[in-house]
Amino acid sequence: MSVLYVGNLPFKISDEDLAAHFATAGEVAEVHHVRQSDSGRSQGCGFITMNDDEAAAKAVESLNGQEFEGRELSVCLARP
């Protein structure tokens, strides 16, 4: 399993839409969209757990810098 950091997310994106977008690169195990604790508003970033390293590498290669709902995504391997 590999975890990706995703930045510059559209503020109104749902976890389901985000998972579907990343599923184009491989099987998504989990989506964690970072939100403000008091309002639930998106912070514009999140973490995607991919089931295998190959799918994660494909997601970085194919989705980093690509436009998603009007925003250019920043996708990279998450650091511990």
C-alpha atoms as a PDB file:
ATOM      1  CA  MET A   1       0.000   0.000   0.000  1.00  0.00           C
ATOM      2  CA  SER A   2       1.118   3.544  -0.752  1.00  0.00           C
ATOM      3  CA  VAL A   3      -0.202   6.838   0.536  1.00  0.00           C
ATOM      4  CA  LEU A   4      -0.369   9.885  -1.718  1.00  0.00           C
ATOM      5  CA  TYR A   5      -0.625  13.509  -0.677  1.00  0.00           C
ATOM      6  CA  VAL A   6      -2.994  15.509  -2.860  1.00  0.00           C
ATOM      7  CA  GLY A   7      -2.972  19.299  -2.759  1.00  0.00           C
ATOM      8  CA  ASN A   8      -4.986  22.067  -4.411  1.00  0.00           C
ATOM      9  CA  LEU A   9      -8.234  20.097  -4.219  1.00  0.00           C
ATOM     10  CA  PRO A  10     -11.486  21.791  -5.197  1.00  0.00           C
ATOM     11  CA  PHE A  11     -13.190  22.850  -1.964  1.00  0.00           C
ATOM     12  CA  LYS A  12     -16.549  21.293  -2.862  1.00  0.00           C
ATOM     13  CA  ILE A  13     -15.252  17.864  -3.914  1.00  0.00           C
ATOM     14  CA  SER A  14     -16.712  14.801  -2.187  1.00  0.00           C
ATOM     15  CA  ASP A  15     -14.654  11.853  -0.996  1.00  0.00           C
ATOM     16  CA  GLU A  16     -16.534   9.647  -3.461  1.00  0.00           C
ATOM     17  CA  ASP A  17     -15.688  11.901  -6.422  1.00  0.00           C
ATOM     18  CA  LEU A  18     -12.052  12.042  -5.320  1.00  0.00           C
ATOM     19  CA  ALA A  19     -11.874   8.251  -5.017  1.00  0.00           C
ATOM     20  CA  ALA A  20     -13.441   7.832  -8.464  1.00  0.00           C
ATOM     21  CA  HIS A  21     -10.929  10.238  -9.992  1.00  0.00           C
ATOM     22  CA  PHE A  22      -7.960   8.360  -8.518  1.00  0.00           C
ATOM     23  CA  ALA A  23      -9.468   4.974  -9.406  1.00  0.00           C
ATOM     24  CA  THR A  24      -8.452   5.726 -13.000  1.00  0.00           C
ATOM     25  CA  ALA A  25      -4.897   4.875 -11.877  1.00  0.00           C
ATOM     26  CA  GLY A  26      -5.740   1.821  -9.755  1.00  0.00           C
ATOM     27  CA  GLU A  27      -7.702   0.562  -6.790  1.00  0.00           C
ATOM     28  CA  VAL A  28      -8.224   3.133  -4.044  1.00  0.00           C
ATOM     29  CA  ALA A  29      -8.245   1.719  -0.515  1.00  0.00           C
ATOM     30  CA  GLU A  30      -9.039   4.893   1.426  1.00  0.00           C
ATOM     31  CA  VAL A  31      -9.628   8.639   1.037  1.00  0.00           C
ATOM     32  CA  HIS A  32      -8.918  11.110   3.817  1.00  0.00           C
ATOM     33  CA  HIS A  33      -9.985  14.631   2.869  1.00  0.00           C
ATOM     34  CA  VAL A  34      -8.569  17.144   5.371  1.00  0.00           C
ATOM     35  CA  ARG A  35     -11.361  19.356   6.706  1.00  0.00           C
ATOM     36  CA  GLN A  36     -11.693  22.083   9.316  1.00  0.00           C
ATOM     37  CA  SER A  37     -12.895  20.555  12.571  1.00  0.00           C
ATOM     38  CA  ASP A  38     -15.369  23.311  13.406  1.00  0.00           C
ATOM     39  CA  SER A  39     -17.062  23.874  10.031  1.00  0.00           C
ATOM     40  CA  GLY A  40     -16.252  20.721   8.040  1.00  0.00           C
ATOM     41  CA  ARG A  41     -14.997  22.951   5.198  1.00  0.00           C
ATOM     42  CA  SER A  42     -12.267  21.470   3.029  1.00  0.00           C
ATOM     43  CA  GLN A  43      -8.674  22.531   3.649  1.00  0.00           C
ATOM     44  CA  GLY A  44      -7.937  21.845  -0.034  1.00  0.00           C
ATOM     45  CA  CYS A  45      -5.765  18.799   0.572  1.00  0.00           C
ATOM     46  CA  GLY A  46      -6.022  15.150   1.458  1.00  0.00           C
ATOM     47  CA  PHE A  47      -4.474  11.703   1.410  1.00  0.00           C
ATOM     48  CA  ILE A  48      -5.276   8.812  -0.901  1.00  0.00           C
ATOM     49  CA  THR A  49      -4.256   5.270   0.016  1.00  0.00           C
ATOM     50  CA  MET A  50      -3.708   3.119  -3.058  1.00  0.00           C
ATOM     51  CA  ASN A  51      -3.710  -0.686  -2.794  1.00  0.00           C
ATOM     52  CA  ASP A  52      -0.352  -1.124  -4.518  1.00  0.00           C
ATOM     53  CA  ASP A  53       2.806   0.823  -5.252  1.00  0.00           C
ATOM     54  CA  GLU A  54       2.405   0.501  -9.019  1.00  0.00           C
ATOM     55  CA  ALA A  55      -1.039   2.155  -8.909  1.00  0.00           C
ATOM     56  CA  ALA A  56       0.354   4.927  -6.700  1.00  0.00           C
ATOM     57  CA  ALA A  57       3.207   5.592  -9.130  1.00  0.00           C
ATOM     58  CA  LYS A  58       0.730   5.665 -12.023  1.00  0.00           C
ATOM     59  CA  ALA A  59      -1.475   8.146 -10.116  1.00  0.00           C
ATOM     60  CA  VAL A  60       1.474  10.473  -9.474  1.00  0.00           C
ATOM     61  CA  GLU A  61       2.580  10.270 -13.097  1.00  0.00           C
ATOM     62  CA  SER A  62      -0.851  10.716 -14.660  1.00  0.00           C
ATOM     63  CA  LEU A  63      -2.651  13.026 -12.207  1.00  0.00           C
ATOM     64  CA  ASN A  64       0.025  15.400 -10.902  1.00  0.00           C
ATOM     65  CA  GLY A  65      -0.442  18.763 -12.592  1.00  0.00           C
ATOM     66  CA  GLN A  66      -3.709  17.727 -14.218  1.00  0.00           C
ATOM     67  CA  GLU A  67      -6.804  19.901 -13.922  1.00  0.00           C
ATOM     68  CA  PHE A  68      -9.641  18.534 -11.805  1.00  0.00           C
ATOM     69  CA  GLU A  69     -12.822  20.610 -11.537  1.00  0.00           C
ATOM     70  CA  GLY A  70     -10.947  23.803 -12.358  1.00  0.00           C
ATOM     71  CA  ARG A  71      -7.910  23.227 -10.098  1.00  0.00           C
ATOM     72  CA  GLU A  72      -4.473  21.874 -10.970  1.00  0.00           C
ATOM     73  CA  LEU A  73      -3.796  18.962  -8.613  1.00  0.00           C
ATOM     74  CA  SER A  74      -0.504  18.461  -6.820  1.00  0.00           C
ATOM     75  CA  VAL A  75       0.035  14.721  -6.315  1.00  0.00           C
ATOM     76  CA  CYS A  76       3.074  13.091  -4.688  1.00  0.00           C
ATOM     77  CA  LEU A  77       3.989  10.264  -2.363  1.00  0.00           C
ATOM     78  CA  ALA A  78       3.196  11.247   1.227  1.00  0.00           C
ATOM     79  CA  ARG A  79       6.117  11.544   3.575  1.00  0.00           C
ATOM     80  CA  PRO A  80       5.962   9.905   7.004  1.00  0.00           C
END
